[in-house]
C-alpha atoms as a PDB file:
ATOM      1  CA  MET A   1      26.927 -66.114 144.593  1.00  0.00           C
ATOM      2  CA  ASN A   2      23.994 -68.006 143.395  1.00  0.00           C
ATOM      3  CA  HIS A   3      22.557 -67.141 139.754  1.00  0.00           C
ATOM      4  CA  LYS A   4      19.478 -65.641 141.212  1.00  0.00           C
ATOM      5  CA  SER A   5      21.598 -63.058 143.347  1.00  0.00           C
ATOM      6  CA  GLN A   6      24.185 -62.493 140.350  1.00  0.00           C
ATOM      7  CA  LEU A   7      21.320 -61.701 137.777  1.00  0.00           C
ATOM      8  CA  GLN A   8      19.782 -59.021 140.505  1.00  0.00           C
ATOM      9  CA  SER A   9      23.121 -57.937 141.214  1.00  0.00           C
ATOM     10  CA  ASP A  10      23.732 -57.370 137.400  1.00  0.00           C
ATOM     11  CA  VAL A  11      20.495 -55.873 136.626  1.00  0.00           C
ATOM     12  CA  ARG A  12      20.624 -53.202 139.234  1.00  0.00           C
ATOM     13  CA  GLU A  13      24.123 -52.374 137.897  1.00  0.00           C
ATOM     14  CA  LEU A  14      22.819 -51.971 134.681  1.00  0.00           C
ATOM     15  CA  GLU A  15      19.815 -49.941 135.999  1.00  0.00           C
ATOM     16  CA  ALA A  16      22.021 -47.572 137.698  1.00  0.00           C
ATOM     17  CA  LEU A  17      24.190 -47.019 134.265  1.00  0.00           C
ATOM     18  CA  TYR A  18      20.971 -46.498 132.375  1.00  0.00           C
ATOM     19  CA  ARG A  19      19.264 -43.973 135.188  1.00  0.00           C
ATOM     20  CA  ASN A  20      22.369 -42.084 135.132  1.00  0.00           C
ATOM     21  CA  ARG A  21      23.229 -41.743 131.392  1.00  0.00           C
ATOM     22  CA  THR A  22      23.844 -39.213 129.261  1.00  0.00           C
ATOM     23  CA  ARG A  23      24.123 -39.169 125.451  1.00  0.00           C
ATOM     24  CA  GLU A  24      27.623 -40.419 125.562  1.00  0.00           C
ATOM     25  CA  SER A  25      27.100 -42.798 128.635  1.00  0.00           C
ATOM     26  CA  LEU A  26      24.171 -44.468 126.728  1.00  0.00           C
ATOM     27  CA  VAL A  27      27.127 -46.137 125.100  1.00  0.00           C
ATOM     28  CA  ASP A  28      28.456 -47.407 128.134  1.00  0.00           C
ATOM     29  CA  TYR A  29      25.192 -48.928 129.222  1.00  0.00           C
ATOM     30  CA  LEU A  30      24.772 -50.732 126.173  1.00  0.00           C
ATOM     31  CA  CYS A  31      28.817 -51.882 126.236  1.00  0.00           C
ATOM     32  CA  ALA A  32      27.890 -53.101 130.016  1.00  0.00           C
ATOM     33  CA  THR A  33      24.826 -55.230 128.848  1.00  0.00           C
ATOM     34  CA  LEU A  34      26.705 -56.743 125.910  1.00  0.00           C
ATOM     35  CA  ARG A  35      29.662 -57.490 128.510  1.00  0.00           C
ATOM     36  CA  LYS A  36      26.681 -59.006 131.254  1.00  0.00           C
ATOM     37  CA  ARG A  37      25.417 -60.883 128.037  1.00  0.00           C
ATOM     38  CA  ASN A  38      28.566 -62.556 127.335  1.00  0.00           C
ATOM     39  CA  GLU A  39      29.230 -63.546 131.011  1.00  0.00           C
ATOM     40  CA  TRP A  40      25.649 -64.648 131.209  1.00  0.00           C
ATOM     41  CA  SER A  41      25.865 -66.939 128.016  1.00  0.00           C
ATOM     42  CA  GLN A  42      29.278 -68.689 129.598  1.00  0.00           C
ATOM     43  CA  ARG A  43      27.166 -69.343 132.823  1.00  0.00           C
ATOM     44  CA  THR A  44      23.844 -70.722 131.180  1.00  0.00           C
ATOM     45  CA  LYS A  45      21.992 -71.914 128.271  1.00  0.00           C
ATOM     46  CA  LEU A  46      19.474 -69.426 126.889  1.00  0.00           C
ATOM     47  CA  ALA A  47      16.555 -71.639 128.271  1.00  0.00           C
ATOM     48  CA  GLU A  48      17.839 -71.640 131.521  1.00  0.00           C
ATOM     49  CA  PHE A  49      18.368 -68.162 131.712  1.00  0.00           C
ATOM     50  CA  VAL A  50      15.081 -67.142 130.740  1.00  0.00           C
ATOM     51  CA  ALA A  51      13.401 -69.184 133.365  1.00  0.00           C
ATOM     52  CA  LEU A  52      15.956 -67.576 135.645  1.00  0.00           C
ATOM     53  CA  ALA A  53      14.634 -64.141 134.840  1.00  0.00           C
ATOM     54  CA  GLU A  54      11.125 -65.076 134.828  1.00  0.00           C
ATOM     55  CA  ASN A  55      11.328 -66.853 138.370  1.00  0.00           C
ATOM     56  CA  THR A  56      13.430 -63.702 139.539  1.00  0.00           C
ATOM     57  CA  TYR A  57      11.302 -60.892 138.490  1.00  0.00           C
ATOM     58  CA  ASP A  58       7.939 -63.325 138.749  1.00  0.00           C
ATOM     59  CA  ARG A  59       6.855 -62.603 135.181  1.00  0.00           C
ATOM     60  CA  LYS A  60       6.532 -64.117 131.825  1.00  0.00           C
ATOM     61  CA  PHE A  61       8.612 -62.418 128.634  1.00  0.00           C
ATOM     62  CA  ASP A  62       6.864 -62.203 125.206  1.00  0.00           C
ATOM     63  CA  LYS A  63       9.099 -64.920 122.852  1.00  0.00           C
ATOM     64  CA  ARG A  64      10.398 -61.957 120.915  1.00  0.00           C
ATOM     65  CA  ILE A  65      12.204 -60.832 124.182  1.00  0.00           C
ATOM     66  CA  ALA A  66      13.219 -64.149 125.550  1.00  0.00           C
ATOM     67  CA  LYS A  67      15.177 -65.153 122.157  1.00  0.00           C
ATOM     68  CA  SER A  68      17.979 -62.641 123.404  1.00  0.00           C
ATOM     69  CA  ARG A  69      19.820 -62.427 126.759  1.00  0.00           C
ATOM     70  CA  THR A  70      20.668 -58.832 125.344  1.00  0.00           C
ATOM     71  CA  ARG A  71      16.923 -57.808 124.678  1.00  0.00           C
ATOM     72  CA  LEU A  72      16.204 -59.851 128.523  1.00  0.00           C
ATOM     73  CA  LEU A  73      18.867 -57.541 130.113  1.00  0.00           C
ATOM     74  CA  ILE A  74      17.436 -54.603 128.244  1.00  0.00           C
ATOM     75  CA  GLU A  75      13.809 -55.261 129.401  1.00  0.00           C
ATOM     76  CA  LEU A  76      14.851 -55.852 132.754  1.00  0.00           C
ATOM     77  CA  SER A  77      17.396 -52.944 133.211  1.00  0.00           C
ATOM     78  CA  CYS A  78      15.957 -50.387 130.983  1.00  0.00           C
ATOM     79  CA  GLY A  79      13.214 -47.549 131.824  1.00  0.00           C
ATOM     80  CA  ALA A  80      12.429 -46.857 128.117  1.00  0.00           C
ATOM     81  CA  ASP A  81       9.284 -47.426 126.016  1.00  0.00           C
ATOM     82  CA  VAL A  82       9.403 -50.969 123.860  1.00  0.00           C
ATOM     83  CA  GLY A  83      10.393 -49.430 120.682  1.00  0.00           C
ATOM     84  CA  THR A  84      13.504 -48.108 122.347  1.00  0.00           C
ATOM     85  CA  LYS A  85      14.627 -51.265 124.285  1.00  0.00           C
ATOM     86  CA  GLY A  86      13.922 -53.034 120.596  1.00  0.00           C
ATOM     87  CA  LEU A  87      16.109 -50.484 119.345  1.00  0.00           C
ATOM     88  CA  TYR A  88      19.108 -50.802 121.857  1.00  0.00           C
ATOM     89  CA  SER A  89      18.858 -54.471 121.568  1.00  0.00           C
ATOM     90  CA  ALA A  90      18.892 -54.540 118.343  1.00  0.00           C
ATOM     91  CA  ALA A  91      22.049 -52.286 117.948  1.00  0.00           C
ATOM     92  CA  THR A  92      23.912 -54.166 120.532  1.00  0.00           C
ATOM     93  CA  GLU A  93      23.215 -57.496 118.947  1.00  0.00           C
ATOM     94  CA  ASN A  94      24.100 -56.487 115.349  1.00  0.00           C
ATOM     95  CA  GLY A  95      27.601 -54.982 116.913  1.00  0.00           C
ATOM     96  CA  ARG A  96      28.146 -58.385 118.685  1.00  0.00           C
ATOM     97  CA  ARG A  97      27.398 -60.350 115.456  1.00  0.00           C
ATOM     98  CA  ALA A  98      29.663 -58.315 113.343  1.00  0.00           C
ATOM     99  CA  GLY A  99      32.516 -59.169 115.806  1.00  0.00           C
ATOM    100  CA  PHE A 100      32.760 -55.902 118.163  1.00  0.00           C
ATOM    101  CA  GLY A 101      32.689 -56.869 121.874  1.00  0.00           C
ATOM    102  CA  PRO A 102      32.277 -54.644 124.783  1.00  0.00           C
ATOM    103  CA  SER A 103      35.201 -53.014 124.804  1.00  0.00           C
ATOM    104  CA  ASN A 104      34.729 -51.582 121.092  1.00  0.00           C
ATOM    105  CA  LEU A 105      31.133 -51.600 120.335  1.00  0.00           C
ATOM    106  CA  ASN A 106      31.482 -47.971 120.538  1.00  0.00           C
ATOM    107  CA  LYS A 107      33.427 -47.923 117.553  1.00  0.00           C
ATOM    108  CA  TYR A 108      30.966 -49.541 115.683  1.00  0.00           C
ATOM    109  CA  PHE A 109      28.260 -47.265 116.651  1.00  0.00           C
ATOM    110  CA  ALA A 110      30.400 -44.901 115.237  1.00  0.00           C
ATOM    111  CA  LYS A 111      31.175 -46.687 112.308  1.00  0.00           C
ATOM    112  CA  LYS A 112      27.211 -46.954 111.746  1.00  0.00           C
ATOM    113  CA  GLY A 113      26.746 -43.327 112.253  1.00  0.00           C
ATOM    114  CA  GLY A 114      24.978 -43.813 115.595  1.00  0.00           C
ATOM    115  CA  ILE A 115      22.872 -45.992 117.794  1.00  0.00           C
ATOM    116  CA  ARG A 116      19.944 -46.156 115.562  1.00  0.00           C
ATOM    117  CA  ASN A 117      21.707 -46.557 112.183  1.00  0.00           C
ATOM    118  CA  ALA A 118      23.714 -49.548 113.868  1.00  0.00           C
ATOM    119  CA  ALA A 119      20.074 -51.138 114.758  1.00  0.00           C
ATOM    120  CA  TYR A 120      18.510 -50.572 111.412  1.00  0.00           C
ATOM    121  CA  GLY A 121      20.698 -49.065 109.192  1.00  0.00           C
END
């Protein structure tokens, strides 16, 4: 599968998870986003990933969005407002930086007292 097809497939998968979320499965969406982010970091450099997303979806991304694969994937797959997308991205990235992977990101959120606290707490 080429990169463009893979990105489209990944975004569709994440969109479905987000669309069908419950309070508990929102964490599943964020874990899947981190998993996809990790896969893409093995495939391409960030600049290549941003260019791929911009070309695939025919849009330009603000530099704040384009500085993170996680934020870009959330931007493409999440139907929430900009602030909520930022919250999800910050919480997921903070968990990743703290050493939590996709399989245990939920433990980071629980340790911090929820997604909002994981992002800003």
